[in-house]
Protein backbone atom coordinates (compact mmCIF):
# COMPACT_ATOMS: atom_id res chain seq x y z
CA MET A 1 12.29 3.63 -20.49
CA GLN A 2 15.17 5.28 -18.68
CA ILE A 3 16.50 3.67 -15.48
CA VAL A 4 18.22 5.94 -12.96
CA HIS A 5 19.62 5.27 -9.50
CA THR A 6 20.53 8.61 -7.94
CA ILE A 7 18.37 11.58 -7.03
CA ALA A 8 20.48 13.87 -9.21
CA ASP A 9 20.08 11.57 -12.21
CA LEU A 10 16.33 11.32 -11.60
CA ARG A 11 15.92 15.08 -11.58
CA ALA A 12 18.08 15.42 -14.66
CA ALA A 13 16.05 12.77 -16.48
CA LEU A 14 12.76 14.45 -15.58
CA ALA A 15 14.02 17.88 -16.64
CA ALA A 16 15.24 16.54 -19.98
CA HIS A 17 12.17 14.43 -20.75
CA PRO A 18 10.04 15.68 -23.67
CA GLY A 19 7.03 15.63 -21.35
CA ALA A 20 8.76 17.49 -18.54
CA GLY A 21 6.39 18.89 -15.94
CA HIS A 22 3.51 17.32 -14.01
CA PRO A 23 4.83 13.78 -13.45
CA ALA A 24 2.59 10.84 -12.67
CA PHE A 25 4.22 8.65 -10.04
CA VAL A 26 3.76 5.12 -8.68
CA PRO A 27 6.08 4.13 -5.81
CA THR A 28 6.67 0.40 -5.24
CA MET A 29 8.97 -1.98 -3.40
CA GLY A 30 9.40 -4.10 -6.52
CA ASN A 31 8.59 -7.78 -7.07
CA LEU A 32 5.83 -6.40 -9.25
CA HIS A 33 2.54 -8.10 -10.02
CA ASP A 34 -0.51 -7.16 -12.09
CA GLY A 35 -1.81 -4.91 -9.31
CA HIS A 36 1.26 -2.69 -9.52
CA LEU A 37 1.06 -2.59 -13.30
CA ALA A 38 -2.61 -1.60 -13.14
CA LEU A 39 -1.56 1.41 -11.05
CA VAL A 40 1.06 2.32 -13.66
CA ARG A 41 -1.49 2.11 -16.46
CA GLN A 42 -3.94 4.18 -14.40
CA ALA A 43 -1.28 6.82 -13.71
CA LYS A 44 0.02 7.04 -17.28
CA PRO A 45 -2.64 9.45 -18.64
CA LEU A 46 -2.57 11.56 -15.46
CA GLY A 47 0.82 13.13 -16.14
CA ARG A 48 3.19 14.17 -18.87
CA VAL A 49 5.89 11.74 -17.77
CA MET A 50 5.26 8.40 -16.03
CA VAL A 51 7.64 7.63 -13.16
CA ALA A 52 7.83 4.49 -11.04
CA SER A 53 10.18 3.78 -8.18
CA ILE A 54 11.48 0.52 -6.75
CA PHE A 55 12.93 0.71 -3.26
CA VAL A 56 12.70 -1.77 -0.38
CA ASN A 57 12.46 0.62 2.53
CA ARG A 58 14.20 -0.65 5.64
CA LEU A 59 12.52 2.02 7.80
CA GLN A 60 9.09 0.37 7.54
CA PHE A 61 10.17 -3.14 8.51
CA LEU A 62 10.23 -4.30 12.12
CA PRO A 63 13.35 -6.22 13.25
CA HIS A 64 11.62 -9.63 12.99
CA GLU A 65 10.07 -8.95 9.56
CA ASP A 66 11.19 -9.93 6.07
CA PHE A 67 13.40 -7.03 4.96
CA ASP A 68 16.39 -9.24 4.11
CA SER A 69 14.32 -11.90 2.35
CA TYR A 70 11.93 -9.55 0.53
CA PRO A 71 12.24 -10.47 -3.17
CA ARG A 72 14.44 -8.18 -5.26
CA THR A 73 13.62 -8.75 -8.95
CA LEU A 74 14.81 -5.55 -10.61
CA GLN A 75 15.37 -6.84 -14.15
CA ALA A 76 12.00 -8.58 -14.38
CA ASP A 77 10.32 -5.55 -12.80
CA ALA A 78 11.96 -3.19 -15.29
CA ASP A 79 10.73 -5.32 -18.20
CA LYS A 80 7.17 -5.22 -16.84
CA LEU A 81 7.27 -1.47 -16.27
CA ARG A 82 8.60 -0.84 -19.75
CA ALA A 83 5.76 -2.87 -21.25
CA ALA A 84 3.23 -0.97 -19.11
CA GLY A 85 4.36 2.40 -20.48
CA CYS A 86 6.63 3.67 -17.73
CA ASP A 87 8.99 6.43 -18.90
CA VAL A 88 11.43 6.66 -15.99
CA LEU A 89 12.28 4.04 -13.37
CA PHE A 90 13.94 5.33 -10.20
CA ALA A 91 15.70 2.40 -8.51
CA PRO A 92 17.97 3.82 -5.80
CA SER A 93 20.11 1.82 -3.40
CA GLU A 94 19.92 2.58 0.30
CA LYS A 95 23.07 4.68 -0.05
CA ASP A 96 21.48 6.62 -2.92
CA LEU A 97 18.27 7.45 -1.05
CA TYR A 98 19.72 7.61 2.47
CA PRO A 99 23.30 8.86 1.97
CA GLN A 100 23.40 9.57 5.69
CA PRO A 101 21.26 8.08 8.47
CA GLN A 102 17.68 9.33 8.10
CA THR A 103 17.41 10.99 11.51
CA PHE A 104 14.70 13.43 10.33
CA LYS A 105 11.48 11.45 10.07
CA VAL A 106 7.80 12.16 9.43
CA GLN A 107 5.62 11.33 12.43
CA PRO A 108 2.04 10.68 11.27
CA ASP A 109 -1.11 11.53 13.21
CA PRO A 110 -1.40 8.81 15.88
CA GLN A 111 -5.22 8.90 15.73
CA LEU A 112 -4.97 7.50 12.20
CA ALA A 113 -1.61 5.75 12.19
CA ASP A 114 -1.40 4.03 15.60
CA LEU A 115 -4.41 1.75 15.14
CA LEU A 116 -4.82 -1.44 13.07
CA GLU A 117 -1.57 -1.81 11.10
CA GLY A 118 0.16 0.79 13.25
CA HIS A 119 -0.86 -1.04 16.42
CA PHE A 120 0.48 -4.40 15.29
CA ARG A 121 3.51 -2.93 13.48
CA PRO A 122 4.73 -0.06 15.71
CA GLY A 123 6.64 2.56 13.75
CA PHE A 124 5.48 1.20 10.40
CA PHE A 125 3.77 4.38 9.26
CA THR A 126 6.64 6.57 10.39
CA GLY A 127 8.82 4.57 8.01
CA VAL A 128 6.21 4.73 5.25
CA CYS A 129 5.63 8.48 5.59
CA THR A 130 9.34 9.23 5.73
CA VAL A 131 10.20 7.33 2.56
CA VAL A 132 7.12 8.56 0.68
CA MET A 133 7.85 12.16 1.64
CA LYS A 134 11.41 11.75 0.39
CA LEU A 135 10.32 10.08 -2.85
CA LEU A 136 7.75 12.80 -3.48
CA ALA A 137 10.44 15.42 -2.92
CA CYS A 138 12.66 13.64 -5.46
CA VAL A 139 10.01 13.23 -8.15
CA PHE A 140 8.06 16.49 -7.76
CA SER A 141 10.91 18.93 -7.16
CA GLY A 142 9.95 20.71 -10.39
CA GLY A 143 6.30 21.35 -9.51
CA PRO A 144 2.91 19.67 -9.12
CA GLY A 145 1.82 16.25 -10.27
CA THR A 146 -0.10 13.09 -9.41
CA ALA A 147 0.78 10.01 -7.38
CA VAL A 148 -1.23 6.78 -7.44
CA PHE A 149 -1.49 4.42 -4.45
CA GLY A 150 -3.48 1.20 -4.22
CA ARG A 151 -6.57 0.77 -2.07
CA LYS A 152 -5.30 -2.65 -0.98
CA ASP A 153 -3.09 -0.81 1.55
CA TYR A 154 -6.14 1.09 2.73
CA GLN A 155 -4.77 2.64 5.89
CA GLN A 156 -1.54 3.59 4.12
CA LEU A 157 -3.55 5.41 1.45
CA LEU A 158 -5.39 7.45 4.09
CA VAL A 159 -2.20 8.26 6.01
CA ILE A 160 -0.38 9.42 2.89
CA ARG A 161 -3.34 11.45 1.67
CA ARG A 162 -3.57 13.24 5.00
CA MET A 163 0.19 13.83 5.09
CA VAL A 164 0.13 15.42 1.64
CA GLU A 165 -2.84 17.61 2.62
CA GLN A 166 -1.29 18.81 5.88
CA PHE A 167 2.06 19.64 4.28
CA ALA A 168 0.23 21.41 1.41
CA LEU A 169 2.16 19.45 -1.20
CA PRO A 170 1.04 20.24 -4.77
CA ILE A 171 0.35 16.57 -5.46
CA ASP A 172 -2.95 14.85 -6.22
CA ILE A 173 -3.19 11.47 -4.47
CA VAL A 174 -5.28 9.09 -6.58
CA ALA A 175 -6.49 5.70 -5.37
CA GLY A 176 -6.21 2.58 -7.49
CA ASP A 177 -8.58 -0.35 -7.04
CA THR A 178 -7.38 -3.63 -5.55
CA CYS A 179 -6.59 -6.27 -8.17
CA ARG A 180 -7.66 -9.81 -7.32
CA ALA A 181 -7.03 -13.31 -8.56
CA ALA A 182 -9.95 -15.24 -10.04
CA ASP A 183 -10.82 -16.70 -6.63
CA GLY A 184 -10.87 -13.28 -4.95
CA LEU A 185 -7.43 -13.22 -3.30
CA ALA A 186 -5.98 -9.71 -3.32
CA LEU A 187 -2.75 -9.62 -5.34
CA SER A 188 0.30 -9.06 -3.16
CA SER A 189 4.04 -9.50 -3.54
CA ARG A 190 3.93 -11.63 -0.40
CA ASN A 191 1.54 -14.13 -2.02
CA GLY A 192 4.69 -15.68 -3.47
CA TYR A 193 5.58 -16.91 0.01
CA LEU A 194 2.49 -19.16 0.07
CA GLY A 195 2.78 -22.87 -0.59
CA ASP A 196 0.15 -24.60 -2.73
CA THR A 197 -2.04 -25.58 0.22
CA GLU A 198 -1.75 -22.13 1.79
CA ARG A 199 -2.53 -20.47 -1.54
CA ALA A 200 -5.77 -22.46 -1.76
CA GLN A 201 -6.66 -21.32 1.78
CA ALA A 202 -5.65 -17.70 1.30
CA VAL A 203 -8.99 -16.65 -0.21
CA GLN A 204 -10.56 -17.28 3.20
CA LEU A 205 -9.43 -13.83 4.30
CA SER A 206 -11.43 -11.99 1.63
CA GLN A 207 -14.35 -14.33 2.27
CA ALA A 208 -14.23 -13.50 5.98
CA LEU A 209 -14.33 -9.78 5.22
CA ARG A 210 -17.31 -10.21 2.89
CA ALA A 211 -19.19 -12.22 5.53
CA LEU A 212 -18.37 -9.61 8.19
CA ALA A 213 -19.56 -6.77 5.96
CA ASP A 214 -22.82 -8.57 5.13
CA ALA A 215 -23.48 -9.32 8.80
CA ALA A 216 -22.68 -5.74 9.85
CA LEU A 217 -25.55 -4.41 7.72
CA GLN A 218 -28.18 -6.60 9.35
CA PRO A 219 -30.67 -4.80 11.65
CA GLY A 220 -29.53 -4.80 15.26
CA ALA A 221 -26.04 -6.05 14.41
CA SER A 222 -23.47 -5.82 17.22
CA LEU A 223 -20.14 -5.06 15.57
CA PRO A 224 -17.94 -6.12 18.51
CA ALA A 225 -19.69 -9.49 18.65
CA LEU A 226 -19.50 -9.96 14.88
CA GLU A 227 -15.80 -9.06 14.82
CA ALA A 228 -15.06 -11.52 17.63
CA GLN A 229 -16.93 -14.27 15.78
CA ALA A 230 -15.07 -13.51 12.54
CA LEU A 231 -11.73 -13.74 14.33
CA GLU A 232 -12.65 -17.05 15.92
CA ARG A 233 -13.80 -18.55 12.61
CA LEU A 234 -10.55 -17.56 10.92
CA ARG A 235 -8.53 -19.03 13.80
CA ALA A 236 -10.50 -22.26 13.43
CA GLN A 237 -9.36 -22.39 9.79
CA GLY A 238 -5.70 -22.29 10.83
CA TRP A 239 -5.00 -18.55 10.63
CA GLN A 240 -3.42 -16.23 13.20
CA PRO A 241 -5.45 -13.03 12.74
CA ASP A 242 -4.35 -9.63 14.02
CA TYR A 243 -7.67 -7.93 13.30
CA LEU A 244 -10.94 -8.25 11.40
CA THR A 245 -12.94 -5.10 11.89
CA VAL A 246 -15.45 -2.66 10.46
CA ARG A 247 -14.47 1.00 10.41
CA GLN A 248 -15.54 4.31 8.92
CA ARG A 249 -13.84 4.93 5.60
CA ALA A 250 -13.06 8.56 6.41
CA ASP A 251 -10.97 8.07 9.55
CA LEU A 252 -10.87 4.33 10.37
CA GLN A 253 -12.70 4.90 13.64
CA PRO A 254 -15.43 2.49 14.76
CA PRO A 255 -18.79 3.58 13.34
CA ALA A 256 -21.02 5.55 15.65
CA GLY A 257 -24.45 3.93 15.78
CA ALA A 258 -25.86 1.56 13.22
CA ALA A 259 -23.72 0.61 10.22
CA GLN A 260 -24.44 2.87 7.24
CA PRO A 261 -23.74 1.36 3.81
CA GLY A 262 -21.51 3.41 1.55
CA GLN A 263 -19.45 4.79 4.43
CA LEU A 264 -17.74 1.69 5.82
CA VAL A 265 -14.80 -0.58 5.16
CA ALA A 266 -14.04 -4.03 6.53
CA LEU A 267 -10.32 -4.52 7.11
CA GLY A 268 -8.33 -7.59 8.02
CA ALA A 269 -4.77 -8.73 8.65
CA ALA A 270 -3.87 -12.32 9.43
CA ARG A 271 -0.95 -14.70 9.22
CA LEU A 272 -1.28 -17.95 7.31
CA GLY A 273 1.73 -20.09 8.09
CA GLY A 274 4.65 -17.71 7.86
CA THR A 275 2.92 -15.19 5.57
CA ARG A 276 1.03 -12.14 6.79
CA LEU A 277 -1.71 -10.99 4.42
CA ILE A 278 -3.93 -7.89 4.52
CA ASP A 279 -7.13 -7.08 2.68
CA ASN A 280 -10.14 -4.77 2.86
CA LEU A 281 -13.61 -4.36 1.42
CA GLU A 282 -15.55 -1.11 1.13
CA PHE A 283 -19.31 -1.51 1.59
């Protein structure tokens, strides 16, 4: 596996690679876990050269969030990526990726990006779209290819897919399934912040989403009432939830009429101690 740090070196490495053309790409912020590596393994057969990036993107962190403390584990991450079959690792510094202040930014559709995560983290998806657009421009400057994003960040996946469609980028956006621990907790780099007691409690978020989804499909179910009850139960267990809600998969709007199985997703975000976790469940 080749490790490069500048955009020029990335493009040179891709041009010189024996499998040049049609890259498969997985962008990450590092501190990799099995969920990231599953995306790499999924992407590997979808392109002629497998590219991963590691970059902790300041633009998507709010001032009070964990940008400075976010774990940077480049050597361990590189070892994992090499074992997973990655061909090229792009690991730029801020100066490499943003050599001047990034004053040009991608503003996503507010109807999709200003609700849920975008409501509780204002500007988050502007930062996500801007860095993803720039990374796509770096990796796919030679032509079309495929990028794989995880379903765990459900709203992010939809925002990026719509961005790529509207800018007519020659890139297929492929979704990777959420990887979970044996007890059902969605794998996340931020799980490492959890103490032992919090880790034992953390599965309550996925359990709450499953209970909400099951209740939503019952005849005569009132989604607003069920969502309020789910929030209250999670608070009673010591969480600080931002949202627990049922939405349409296609656009994350509240469902019109009775819940229709196969078209819905339950989404949640909640803080347990000092750690904010997100999860979702299609049903």
